[in-house]
């Protein structure tokens, strides 16, 4: 081996001597049972807080609408539709606002 200077050669020799001594020691003769070190596990993200519980829905009030038939459910709905008349409705008044807005003209006198 060629070294640039005496100091590099002595450092290499000292390192090799320590390696040989480590291999000859009784601890080196026993097979190693430990696995190589693994990367540390990433930290767990914090748990999200639980959403608040929804309040109970209030009970549906009984219908106060007109009852023309004694039955409820599908039969009551059908009889309500059959008994409907347009004559009982009020005339609705609508205001049409869909026309474009007229631009205000300003006369400028020179």
PDB file of N, CA and C in Angstrom:
ATOM      1  N   UNK A   1       0.843  -1.172   0.000  1.00  0.00           N
ATOM      2  CA  UNK A   1       0.000   0.000   0.000  1.00  0.00           C
ATOM      3  C   UNK A   1       0.890   1.238   0.000  1.00  0.00           C
ATOM      4  N   UNK A   2       0.536   2.214  -0.708  1.00  0.00           N
ATOM      5  CA  UNK A   2       1.273   3.473  -0.756  1.00  0.00           C
ATOM      6  C   UNK A   2       0.457   4.554  -0.058  1.00  0.00           C
ATOM      7  N   UNK A   3       1.062   5.266   0.867  1.00  0.00           N
ATOM      8  CA  UNK A   3       0.414   6.339   1.598  1.00  0.00           C
ATOM      9  C   UNK A   3       1.106   7.642   1.273  1.00  0.00           C
ATOM     10  N   UNK A   4       0.394   8.718   1.391  1.00  0.00           N
ATOM     11  CA  UNK A   4       0.966  10.033   1.072  1.00  0.00           C
ATOM     12  C   UNK A   4       2.009  10.442   2.093  1.00  0.00           C
ATOM     13  N   UNK A   5       1.823  10.034   3.368  1.00  0.00           N
ATOM     14  CA  UNK A   5       2.810  10.393   4.389  1.00  0.00           C
ATOM     15  C   UNK A   5       2.792   9.359   5.503  1.00  0.00           C
ATOM     16  N   UNK A   6       3.712   9.521   6.456  1.00  0.00           N
ATOM     17  CA  UNK A   6       3.869   8.578   7.565  1.00  0.00           C
ATOM     18  C   UNK A   6       2.635   8.580   8.462  1.00  0.00           C
ATOM     19  N   UNK A   7       2.033   9.732   8.660  1.00  0.00           N
ATOM     20  CA  UNK A   7       0.871   9.847   9.542  1.00  0.00           C
ATOM     21  C   UNK A   7      -0.305   9.036   9.003  1.00  0.00           C
ATOM     22  N   UNK A   8      -0.554   9.082   7.686  1.00  0.00           N
ATOM     23  CA  UNK A   8      -1.638   8.290   7.096  1.00  0.00           C
ATOM     24  C   UNK A   8      -1.385   6.795   7.262  1.00  0.00           C
ATOM     25  N   UNK A   9      -0.127   6.378   7.126  1.00  0.00           N
ATOM     26  CA  UNK A   9       0.224   4.963   7.264  1.00  0.00           C
ATOM     27  C   UNK A   9      -0.005   4.488   8.689  1.00  0.00           C
ATOM     28  N   UNK A  10       0.352   5.295   9.678  1.00  0.00           N
ATOM     29  CA  UNK A  10       0.156   4.920  11.080  1.00  0.00           C
ATOM     30  C   UNK A  10      -1.339   4.879  11.430  1.00  0.00           C
ATOM     31  N   UNK A  11      -2.127   5.804  10.894  1.00  0.00           N
ATOM     32  CA  UNK A  11      -3.563   5.795  11.154  1.00  0.00           C
ATOM     33  C   UNK A  11      -4.196   4.537  10.578  1.00  0.00           C
ATOM     34  N   UNK A  12      -3.770   4.140   9.394  1.00  0.00           N
ATOM     35  CA  UNK A  12      -4.300   2.931   8.779  1.00  0.00           C
ATOM     36  C   UNK A  12      -3.904   1.707   9.591  1.00  0.00           C
ATOM     37  N   UNK A  13      -2.650   1.647  10.034  1.00  0.00           N
ATOM     38  CA  UNK A  13      -2.162   0.499  10.812  1.00  0.00           C
ATOM     39  C   UNK A  13      -2.902   0.401  12.133  1.00  0.00           C
ATOM     40  N   UNK A  14      -3.140   1.532  12.801  1.00  0.00           N
ATOM     41  CA  UNK A  14      -3.867   1.512  14.073  1.00  0.00           C
ATOM     42  C   UNK A  14      -5.300   1.016  13.879  1.00  0.00           C
ATOM     43  N   UNK A  15      -5.925   1.441  12.796  1.00  0.00           N
ATOM     44  CA  UNK A  15      -7.289   0.990  12.520  1.00  0.00           C
ATOM     45  C   UNK A  15      -7.356  -0.497  12.249  1.00  0.00           C
ATOM     46  N   UNK A  16      -6.384  -1.004  11.503  1.00  0.00           N
ATOM     47  CA  UNK A  16      -6.364  -2.444  11.207  1.00  0.00           C
ATOM     48  C   UNK A  16      -6.107  -3.253  12.465  1.00  0.00           C
ATOM     49  N   UNK A  17      -5.215  -2.749  13.377  1.00  0.00           N
ATOM     50  CA  UNK A  17      -4.914  -3.445  14.624  1.00  0.00           C
ATOM     51  C   UNK A  17      -6.165  -3.541  15.491  1.00  0.00           C
ATOM     52  N   UNK A  18      -6.922  -2.450  15.563  1.00  0.00           N
ATOM     53  CA  UNK A  18      -8.156  -2.476  16.360  1.00  0.00           C
ATOM     54  C   UNK A  18      -9.173  -3.444  15.753  1.00  0.00           C
ATOM     55  N   UNK A  19      -9.248  -3.509  14.424  1.00  0.00           N
ATOM     56  CA  UNK A  19     -10.182  -4.431  13.776  1.00  0.00           C
ATOM     57  C   UNK A  19      -9.816  -5.878  14.059  1.00  0.00           C
ATOM     58  N   UNK A  20      -8.534  -6.196  14.029  1.00  0.00           N
ATOM     59  CA  UNK A  20      -8.089  -7.584  14.289  1.00  0.00           C
ATOM     60  C   UNK A  20      -8.360  -7.944  15.740  1.00  0.00           C
ATOM     61  N   UNK A  21      -8.105  -7.026  16.668  1.00  0.00           N
ATOM     62  CA  UNK A  21      -8.358  -7.300  18.085  1.00  0.00           C
ATOM     63  C   UNK A  21      -9.856  -7.510  18.338  1.00  0.00           C
ATOM     64  N   UNK A  22     -10.682  -6.728  17.668  1.00  0.00           N
ATOM     65  CA  UNK A  22     -12.124  -6.876  17.843  1.00  0.00           C
ATOM     66  C   UNK A  22     -12.593  -8.234  17.328  1.00  0.00           C
ATOM     67  N   UNK A  23     -11.980  -8.690  16.239  1.00  0.00           N
ATOM     68  CA  UNK A  23     -12.376  -9.998  15.691  1.00  0.00           C
ATOM     69  C   UNK A  23     -11.917 -11.137  16.576  1.00  0.00           C
ATOM     70  N   UNK A  24     -10.793 -10.961  17.294  1.00  0.00           N
ATOM     71  CA  UNK A  24     -10.267 -12.026  18.157  1.00  0.00           C
ATOM     72  C   UNK A  24     -10.949 -12.065  19.519  1.00  0.00           C
ATOM     73  N   UNK A  25     -11.634 -11.058  19.920  1.00  0.00           N
ATOM     74  CA  UNK A  25     -12.250 -11.019  21.242  1.00  0.00           C
ATOM     75  C   UNK A  25     -13.391 -12.025  21.314  1.00  0.00           C
ATOM     76  N   UNK A  26     -13.716 -12.559  22.533  1.00  0.00           N
ATOM     77  CA  UNK A  26     -14.797 -13.541  22.677  1.00  0.00           C
ATOM     78  C   UNK A  26     -16.163 -12.972  22.258  1.00  0.00           C
ATOM     79  N   UNK A  27     -16.366 -11.719  22.423  1.00  0.00           N
ATOM     80  CA  UNK A  27     -17.651 -11.131  22.057  1.00  0.00           C
ATOM     81  C   UNK A  27     -17.846 -11.189  20.548  1.00  0.00           C
ATOM     82  N   UNK A  28     -16.755 -11.104  19.790  1.00  0.00           N
ATOM     83  CA  UNK A  28     -16.860 -11.145  18.331  1.00  0.00           C
ATOM     84  C   UNK A  28     -17.124 -12.557  17.845  1.00  0.00           C
ATOM     85  N   UNK A  29     -16.721 -13.582  18.636  1.00  0.00           N
ATOM     86  CA  UNK A  29     -16.917 -14.971  18.225  1.00  0.00           C
ATOM     87  C   UNK A  29     -18.382 -15.367  18.295  1.00  0.00           C
ATOM     88  N   UNK A  30     -19.141 -14.779  19.204  1.00  0.00           N
ATOM     89  CA  UNK A  30     -20.559 -15.115  19.331  1.00  0.00           C
ATOM     90  C   UNK A  30     -21.323 -14.487  18.168  1.00  0.00           C
ATOM     91  N   UNK A  31     -22.205 -15.262  17.548  1.00  0.00           N
ATOM     92  CA  UNK A  31     -22.973 -14.699  16.436  1.00  0.00           C
ATOM     93  C   UNK A  31     -23.906 -13.594  16.931  1.00  0.00           C
ATOM     94  N   UNK A  32     -24.048 -12.592  16.148  1.00  0.00           N
ATOM     95  CA  UNK A  32     -24.932 -11.486  16.523  1.00  0.00           C
ATOM     96  C   UNK A  32     -26.374 -11.864  16.216  1.00  0.00           C
ATOM     97  N   UNK A  33     -27.238 -11.601  17.160  1.00  0.00           N
ATOM     98  CA  UNK A  33     -28.643 -11.940  17.012  1.00  0.00           C
ATOM     99  C   UNK A  33     -29.498 -10.720  16.677  1.00  0.00           C
ATOM    100  N   UNK A  34     -28.924  -9.555  16.843  1.00  0.00           N
ATOM    101  CA  UNK A  34     -29.737  -8.367  16.611  1.00  0.00           C
ATOM    102  C   UNK A  34     -29.776  -8.019  15.126  1.00  0.00           C
ATOM    103  N   UNK A  35     -30.878  -7.520  14.709  1.00  0.00           N
ATOM    104  CA  UNK A  35     -31.055  -7.105  13.325  1.00  0.00           C
ATOM    105  C   UNK A  35     -30.427  -5.724  13.147  1.00  0.00           C
ATOM    106  N   UNK A  36     -30.127  -5.380  11.941  1.00  0.00           N
ATOM    107  CA  UNK A  36     -29.586  -4.037  11.728  1.00  0.00           C
ATOM    108  C   UNK A  36     -30.614  -2.990  12.149  1.00  0.00           C
ATOM    109  N   UNK A  37     -30.141  -1.855  12.607  1.00  0.00           N
ATOM    110  CA  UNK A  37     -31.101  -0.849  13.080  1.00  0.00           C
ATOM    111  C   UNK A  37     -31.995  -0.374  11.940  1.00  0.00           C
ATOM    112  N   UNK A  38     -33.258  -0.239  12.263  1.00  0.00           N
ATOM    113  CA  UNK A  38     -34.214   0.214  11.254  1.00  0.00           C
ATOM    114  C   UNK A  38     -34.514   1.694  11.477  1.00  0.00           C
ATOM    115  N   UNK A  39     -35.069   2.289  10.487  1.00  0.00           N
ATOM    116  CA  UNK A  39     -35.412   3.706  10.572  1.00  0.00           C
ATOM    117  C   UNK A  39     -36.504   3.885  11.617  1.00  0.00           C
ATOM    118  N   UNK A  40     -36.462   4.982  12.377  1.00  0.00           N
ATOM    119  CA  UNK A  40     -37.522   5.188  13.376  1.00  0.00           C
ATOM    120  C   UNK A  40     -38.861   5.398  12.706  1.00  0.00           C
ATOM    121  N   UNK A  41     -39.886   4.949  13.403  1.00  0.00           N
ATOM    122  CA  UNK A  41     -41.242   5.090  12.863  1.00  0.00           C
ATOM    123  C   UNK A  41     -41.651   6.557  12.905  1.00  0.00           C
ATOM    124  N   UNK A  42     -42.375   7.009  11.882  1.00  0.00           N
ATOM    125  CA  UNK A  42     -42.830   8.401  11.902  1.00  0.00           C
ATOM    126  C   UNK A  42     -43.869   8.587  13.003  1.00  0.00           C
ATOM    127  N   UNK A  43     -43.947   9.782  13.575  1.00  0.00           N
ATOM    128  CA  UNK A  43     -44.934   9.989  14.643  1.00  0.00           C
ATOM    129  C   UNK A  43     -46.350   9.886  14.106  1.00  0.00           C
ATOM    130  N   UNK A  44     -47.230   9.387  14.947  1.00  0.00           N
ATOM    131  CA  UNK A  44     -48.629   9.233  14.574  1.00  0.00           C
ATOM    132  C   UNK A  44     -49.297  10.606  14.555  1.00  0.00           C
ATOM    133  N   UNK A  45     -50.127  10.873  13.541  1.00  0.00           N
ATOM    134  CA  UNK A  45     -50.836  12.156  13.527  1.00  0.00           C
ATOM    135  C   UNK A  45     -51.854  12.179  14.655  1.00  0.00           C
ATOM    136  N   UNK A  46     -52.153  13.367  15.181  1.00  0.00           N
ATOM    137  CA  UNK A  46     -53.145  13.424  16.264  1.00  0.00           C
ATOM    138  C   UNK A  46     -54.518  13.024  15.759  1.00  0.00           C
ATOM    139  N   UNK A  47     -55.264  12.413  16.636  1.00  0.00           N
ATOM    140  CA  UNK A  47     -56.611  11.977  16.268  1.00  0.00           C
ATOM    141  C   UNK A  47     -57.540  13.183  16.191  1.00  0.00           C
ATOM    142  N   UNK A  48     -58.427  13.144  15.219  1.00  0.00           N
ATOM    143  CA  UNK A  48     -59.396  14.230  15.045  1.00  0.00           C
ATOM    144  C   UNK A  48     -60.438  14.141  16.150  1.00  0.00           C
ATOM    145  N   UNK A  49     -60.900  15.294  16.650  1.00  0.00           N
ATOM    146  CA  UNK A  49     -61.928  15.232  17.689  1.00  0.00           C
ATOM    147  C   UNK A  49     -63.239  14.713  17.113  1.00  0.00           C
ATOM    148  N   UNK A  50     -64.003  14.078  17.969  1.00  0.00           N
ATOM    149  CA  UNK A  50     -65.291  13.531  17.558  1.00  0.00           C
ATOM    150  C   UNK A  50     -66.266  14.677  17.290  1.00  0.00           C
ATOM    151  N   UNK A  51     -67.047  14.582  16.212  1.00  0.00           N
ATOM    152  CA  UNK A  51     -68.034  15.639  15.955  1.00  0.00           C
ATOM    153  C   UNK A  51     -69.134  15.581  17.009  1.00  0.00           C
ATOM    154  N   UNK A  52     -69.745  16.730  17.299  1.00  0.00           N
ATOM    155  CA  UNK A  52     -70.825  16.711  18.301  1.00  0.00           C
ATOM    156  C   UNK A  52     -72.009  15.910  17.787  1.00  0.00           C
ATOM    157  N   UNK A  53     -72.706  15.318  18.719  1.00  0.00           N
ATOM    158  CA  UNK A  53     -73.867  14.511  18.337  1.00  0.00           C
ATOM    159  C   UNK A  53     -75.015  15.426  17.944  1.00  0.00           C
ATOM    160  N   UNK A  54     -75.720  15.014  16.922  1.00  0.00           N
ATOM    161  CA  UNK A  54     -76.856  15.803  16.434  1.00  0.00           C
ATOM    162  C   UNK A  54     -78.004  15.683  17.427  1.00  0.00           C
ATOM    163  N   UNK A  55     -78.726  16.782  17.648  1.00  0.00           N
ATOM    164  CA  UNK A  55     -79.872  16.696  18.557  1.00  0.00           C
ATOM    165  C   UNK A  55     -80.982  15.862  17.937  1.00  0.00           C
ATOM    166  N   UNK A  56     -81.809  15.321  18.776  1.00  0.00           N
ATOM    167  CA  UNK A  56     -82.927  14.517  18.277  1.00  0.00           C
ATOM    168  C   UNK A  56     -83.903  15.410  17.524  1.00  0.00           C
ATOM    169  N   UNK A  57     -84.424  14.879  16.447  1.00  0.00           N
ATOM    170  CA  UNK A  57     -85.407  15.624  15.663  1.00  0.00           C
ATOM    171  C   UNK A  57     -86.707  15.687  16.440  1.00  0.00           C
ATOM    172  N   UNK A  58     -87.375  16.858  16.419  1.00  0.00           N
ATOM    173  CA  UNK A  58     -88.656  16.940  17.135  1.00  0.00           C
ATOM    174  C   UNK A  58     -89.695  16.072  16.447  1.00  0.00           C
ATOM    175  N   UNK A  59     -90.641  15.642  17.209  1.00  0.00           N
ATOM    176  CA  UNK A  59     -91.716  14.816  16.658  1.00  0.00           C
ATOM    177  C   UNK A  59     -92.532  15.633  15.668  1.00  0.00           C
ATOM    178  N   UNK A  60     -92.967  14.995  14.605  1.00  0.00           N
ATOM    179  CA  UNK A  60     -93.760  15.674  13.586  1.00  0.00           C
ATOM    180  C   UNK A  60     -95.124  16.026  14.168  1.00  0.00           C
ATOM    181  N   UNK A  61     -95.517  17.297  14.037  1.00  0.00           N
ATOM    182  CA  UNK A  61     -96.840  17.663  14.559  1.00  0.00           C
ATOM    183  C   UNK A  61     -97.924  17.055  13.681  1.00  0.00           C
ATOM    184  N   UNK A  62     -99.063  16.863  14.284  1.00  0.00           N
ATOM    185  CA  UNK A  62    -100.193  16.335  13.524  1.00  0.00           C
ATOM    186  C   UNK A  62    -100.646  17.388  12.535  1.00  0.00           C
ATOM    187  N   UNK A  63    -101.020  16.946  11.358  1.00  0.00           N
ATOM    188  CA  UNK A  63    -101.447  17.866  10.314  1.00  0.00           C
ATOM    189  C   UNK A  63    -102.711  18.592  10.732  1.00  0.00           C
ATOM    190  N   UNK A  64    -102.689  19.923  10.542  1.00  0.00           N
ATOM    191  CA  UNK A  64    -103.882  20.693  10.882  1.00  0.00           C
ATOM    192  C   UNK A  64    -104.657  21.068   9.629  1.00  0.00           C
ATOM    193  N   UNK A  65    -104.303  20.446   8.495  1.00  0.00           N
ATOM    194  CA  UNK A  65    -104.967  20.720   7.234  1.00  0.00           C
ATOM    195  C   UNK A  65    -106.370  20.141   7.206  1.00  0.00           C
ATOM    196  N   UNK A  66    -107.089  20.468   6.166  1.00  0.00           N
ATOM    197  CA  UNK A  66    -108.466  19.964   6.075  1.00  0.00           C
ATOM    198  C   UNK A  66    -108.484  18.461   5.898  1.00  0.00           C
ATOM    199  N   UNK A  67    -109.405  17.856   6.600  1.00  0.00           N
ATOM    200  CA  UNK A  67    -109.549  16.414   6.499  1.00  0.00           C
ATOM    201  C   UNK A  67    -110.906  16.135   5.891  1.00  0.00           C
ATOM    202  N   UNK A  68    -110.882  15.725   4.636  1.00  0.00           N
ATOM    203  CA  UNK A  68    -112.145  15.435   3.956  1.00  0.00           C
ATOM    204  C   UNK A  68    -112.479  13.963   4.040  1.00  0.00           C
ATOM    205  N   UNK A  69    -111.449  13.138   4.273  1.00  0.00           N
ATOM    206  CA  UNK A  69    -111.725  11.713   4.392  1.00  0.00           C
ATOM    207  C   UNK A  69    -111.166  11.238   5.717  1.00  0.00           C
ATOM    208  N   UNK A  70    -111.723  10.190   6.209  1.00  0.00           N
ATOM    209  CA  UNK A  70    -111.296   9.669   7.490  1.00  0.00           C
ATOM    210  C   UNK A  70    -110.013   8.882   7.407  1.00  0.00           C
ATOM    211  N   UNK A  71    -109.623   8.415   6.217  1.00  0.00           N
ATOM    212  CA  UNK A  71    -108.444   7.567   6.081  1.00  0.00           C
ATOM    213  C   UNK A  71    -107.173   8.376   5.917  1.00  0.00           C
ATOM    214  N   UNK A  72    -106.063   7.805   6.309  1.00  0.00           N
ATOM    215  CA  UNK A  72    -104.776   8.459   6.140  1.00  0.00           C
ATOM    216  C   UNK A  72    -103.961   7.717   5.110  1.00  0.00           C
ATOM    217  N   UNK A  73    -102.735   8.120   4.947  1.00  0.00           N
ATOM    218  CA  UNK A  73    -101.834   7.424   4.046  1.00  0.00           C
ATOM    219  C   UNK A  73    -102.186   7.642   2.596  1.00  0.00           C
ATOM    220  N   UNK A  74    -102.051   6.578   1.824  1.00  0.00           N
ATOM    221  CA  UNK A  74    -102.252   6.670   0.373  1.00  0.00           C
ATOM    222  C   UNK A  74    -103.700   6.965   0.005  1.00  0.00           C
ATOM    223  N   UNK A  75    -104.614   6.348   0.703  1.00  0.00           N
ATOM    224  CA  UNK A  75    -106.034   6.565   0.412  1.00  0.00           C
ATOM    225  C   UNK A  75    -106.447   8.003   0.715  1.00  0.00           C
ATOM    226  N   UNK A  76    -105.931   8.569   1.808  1.00  0.00           N
ATOM    227  CA  UNK A  76    -106.244   9.947   2.155  1.00  0.00           C
ATOM    228  C   UNK A  76    -105.674  10.922   1.144  1.00  0.00           C
ATOM    229  N   UNK A  77    -104.465  10.653   0.681  1.00  0.00           N
ATOM    230  CA  UNK A  77    -103.853  11.510  -0.328  1.00  0.00           C
ATOM    231  C   UNK A  77    -104.649  11.467  -1.622  1.00  0.00           C
ATOM    232  N   UNK A  78    -105.040  10.273  -2.029  1.00  0.00           N
ATOM    233  CA  UNK A  78    -105.810  10.121  -3.261  1.00  0.00           C
ATOM    234  C   UNK A  78    -107.147  10.865  -3.170  1.00  0.00           C
ATOM    235  N   UNK A  79    -107.821  10.750  -2.045  1.00  0.00           N
ATOM    236  CA  UNK A  79    -109.103  11.439  -1.927  1.00  0.00           C
ATOM    237  C   UNK A  79    -108.912  12.948  -1.852  1.00  0.00           C
ATOM    238  N   UNK A  80    -107.788  13.407  -1.288  1.00  0.00           N
ATOM    239  CA  UNK A  80    -107.498  14.840  -1.252  1.00  0.00           C
ATOM    240  C   UNK A  80    -107.255  15.376  -2.657  1.00  0.00           C
ATOM    241  N   UNK A  81    -106.563  14.605  -3.486  1.00  0.00           N
ATOM    242  CA  UNK A  81    -106.316  15.017  -4.871  1.00  0.00           C
ATOM    243  C   UNK A  81    -107.619  15.035  -5.662  1.00  0.00           C
ATOM    244  N   UNK A  82    -108.421  14.027  -5.458  1.00  0.00           N
ATOM    245  CA  UNK A  82    -109.689  13.956  -6.193  1.00  0.00           C
ATOM    246  C   UNK A  82    -110.637  15.072  -5.782  1.00  0.00           C
ATOM    247  N   UNK A  83    -110.582  15.507  -4.531  1.00  0.00           N
ATOM    248  CA  UNK A  83    -111.497  16.526  -4.052  1.00  0.00           C
ATOM    249  C   UNK A  83    -111.003  17.948  -4.300  1.00  0.00           C
ATOM    250  N   UNK A  84    -109.847  18.111  -4.906  1.00  0.00           N
ATOM    251  CA  UNK A  84    -109.273  19.437  -5.125  1.00  0.00           C
ATOM    252  C   UNK A  84    -110.042  20.188  -6.207  1.00  0.00           C
ATOM    253  N   UNK A  85    -110.259  21.474  -5.981  1.00  0.00           N
ATOM    254  CA  UNK A  85    -110.883  22.306  -7.007  1.00  0.00           C
ATOM    255  C   UNK A  85    -110.108  23.611  -7.102  1.00  0.00           C
ATOM    256  N   UNK A  86    -109.913  24.084  -8.320  1.00  0.00           N
ATOM    257  CA  UNK A  86    -109.164  25.320  -8.539  1.00  0.00           C
ATOM    258  C   UNK A  86    -109.952  26.536  -8.073  1.00  0.00           C
ATOM    259  N   UNK A  87    -111.253  26.395  -7.926  1.00  0.00           N
ATOM    260  CA  UNK A  87    -112.084  27.522  -7.523  1.00  0.00           C
ATOM    261  C   UNK A  87    -111.750  28.035  -6.126  1.00  0.00           C
ATOM    262  N   UNK A  88    -111.159  27.207  -5.293  1.00  0.00           N
ATOM    263  CA  UNK A  88    -110.840  27.610  -3.927  1.00  0.00           C
ATOM    264  C   UNK A  88    -109.544  28.401  -3.821  1.00  0.00           C
ATOM    265  N   UNK A  89    -108.808  28.567  -4.929  1.00  0.00           N
ATOM    266  CA  UNK A  89    -107.532  29.277  -4.891  1.00  0.00           C
ATOM    267  C   UNK A  89    -107.723  30.760  -5.160  1.00  0.00           C
ATOM    268  N   UNK A  90    -106.845  31.591  -4.560  1.00  0.00           N
ATOM    269  CA  UNK A  90    -106.874  33.035  -4.809  1.00  0.00           C
ATOM    270  C   UNK A  90    -106.078  33.335  -6.073  1.00  0.00           C
ATOM    271  N   UNK A  91    -106.425  34.423  -6.727  1.00  0.00           N
ATOM    272  CA  UNK A  91    -105.692  34.874  -7.899  1.00  0.00           C
ATOM    273  C   UNK A  91    -104.364  35.453  -7.416  1.00  0.00           C
ATOM    274  N   UNK A  92    -103.263  34.994  -7.992  1.00  0.00           N
ATOM    275  CA  UNK A  92    -101.938  35.488  -7.613  1.00  0.00           C
ATOM    276  C   UNK A  92    -101.541  36.629  -8.524  1.00  0.00           C
ATOM    277  N   UNK A  93    -100.917  37.638  -7.939  1.00  0.00           N
ATOM    278  CA  UNK A  93    -100.442  38.767  -8.728  1.00  0.00           C
ATOM    279  C   UNK A  93     -98.933  38.649  -8.846  1.00  0.00           C
ATOM    280  N   UNK A  94     -98.427  38.700 -10.086  1.00  0.00           N
ATOM    281  CA  UNK A  94     -96.990  38.595 -10.303  1.00  0.00           C
ATOM    282  C   UNK A  94     -96.453  39.906 -10.840  1.00  0.00           C
ATOM    283  N   UNK A  95     -95.217  40.201 -10.480  1.00  0.00           N
ATOM    284  CA  UNK A  95     -94.545  41.405 -10.970  1.00  0.00           C
ATOM    285  C   UNK A  95     -93.380  40.942 -11.813  1.00  0.00           C
ATOM    286  N   UNK A  96     -93.395  41.294 -13.102  1.00  0.00           N
ATOM    287  CA  UNK A  96     -92.333  40.877 -14.017  1.00  0.00           C
ATOM    288  C   UNK A  96     -91.163  41.842 -13.900  1.00  0.00           C
ATOM    289  N   UNK A  97     -90.035  41.356 -13.396  1.00  0.00           N
ATOM    290  CA  UNK A  97     -88.841  42.188 -13.245  1.00  0.00           C
ATOM    291  C   UNK A  97     -87.732  41.742 -14.191  1.00  0.00           C
ATOM    292  N   UNK A  98     -88.104  41.033 -15.241  1.00  0.00           N
ATOM    293  CA  UNK A  98     -87.083  40.512 -16.143  1.00  0.00           C
ATOM    294  C   UNK A  98     -86.695  41.481 -17.241  1.00  0.00           C
ATOM    295  N   UNK A  99     -87.398  42.595 -17.382  1.00  0.00           N
ATOM    296  CA  UNK A  99     -87.082  43.576 -18.425  1.00  0.00           C
ATOM    297  C   UNK A  99     -85.765  44.265 -18.091  1.00  0.00           C
ATOM    298  N   UNK A 100     -84.977  44.665 -19.105  1.00  0.00           N
ATOM    299  CA  UNK A 100     -83.701  45.344 -18.822  1.00  0.00           C
ATOM    300  C   UNK A 100     -83.953  46.712 -18.206  1.00  0.00           C
ATOM    301  N   UNK A 101     -83.018  47.131 -17.371  1.00  0.00           N
ATOM    302  CA  UNK A 101     -83.133  48.428 -16.714  1.00  0.00           C
ATOM    303  C   UNK A 101     -82.767  49.502 -17.726  1.00  0.00           C
ATOM    304  N   UNK A 102     -83.627  50.491 -17.867  1.00  0.00           N
ATOM    305  CA  UNK A 102     -83.362  51.573 -18.816  1.00  0.00           C
ATOM    306  C   UNK A 102     -82.250  52.445 -18.291  1.00  0.00           C
ATOM    307  N   UNK A 103     -81.274  52.727 -19.139  1.00  0.00           N
ATOM    308  CA  UNK A 103     -80.133  53.554 -18.727  1.00  0.00           C
ATOM    309  C   UNK A 103     -80.587  54.986 -18.553  1.00  0.00           C
ATOM    310  N   UNK A 104     -80.148  55.597 -17.469  1.00  0.00           N
ATOM    311  CA  UNK A 104     -80.478  56.991 -17.217  1.00  0.00           C
ATOM    312  C   UNK A 104     -79.598  57.847 -18.106  1.00  0.00           C
ATOM    313  N   UNK A 105     -80.207  58.693 -18.895  1.00  0.00           N
ATOM    314  CA  UNK A 105     -79.404  59.555 -19.754  1.00  0.00           C
ATOM    315  C   UNK A 105     -79.167  60.862 -19.046  1.00  0.00           C
ATOM    316  N   UNK A 106     -77.950  61.259 -19.025  1.00  0.00           N
ATOM    317  CA  UNK A 106     -77.617  62.533 -18.392  1.00  0.00           C
ATOM    318  C   UNK A 106     -77.162  63.468 -19.492  1.00  0.00           C
ATOM    319  N   UNK A 107     -77.796  64.586 -19.569  1.00  0.00           N
ATOM    320  CA  UNK A 107     -77.396  65.542 -20.613  1.00  0.00           C
ATOM    321  C   UNK A 107     -76.347  66.448 -20.056  1.00  0.00           C
ATOM    322  N   UNK A 108     -75.265  66.484 -20.747  1.00  0.00           N
ATOM    323  CA  UNK A 108     -74.170  67.346 -20.294  1.00  0.00           C
ATOM    324  C   UNK A 108     -74.109  68.562 -21.210  1.00  0.00           C
ATOM    325  N   UNK A 109     -74.297  69.710 -20.654  1.00  0.00           N
ATOM    326  CA  UNK A 109     -74.289  70.938 -21.454  1.00  0.00           C
ATOM    327  C   UNK A 109     -72.898  71.496 -21.545  1.00  0.00           C
ATOM    328  N   UNK A 110     -72.440  71.819 -22.771  1.00  0.00           N
ATOM    329  CA  UNK A 110     -71.096  72.362 -22.924  1.00  0.00           C
ATOM    330  C   UNK A 110     -71.102  73.844 -23.060  1.00  0.00           C
TER     331      UNK A 110
END
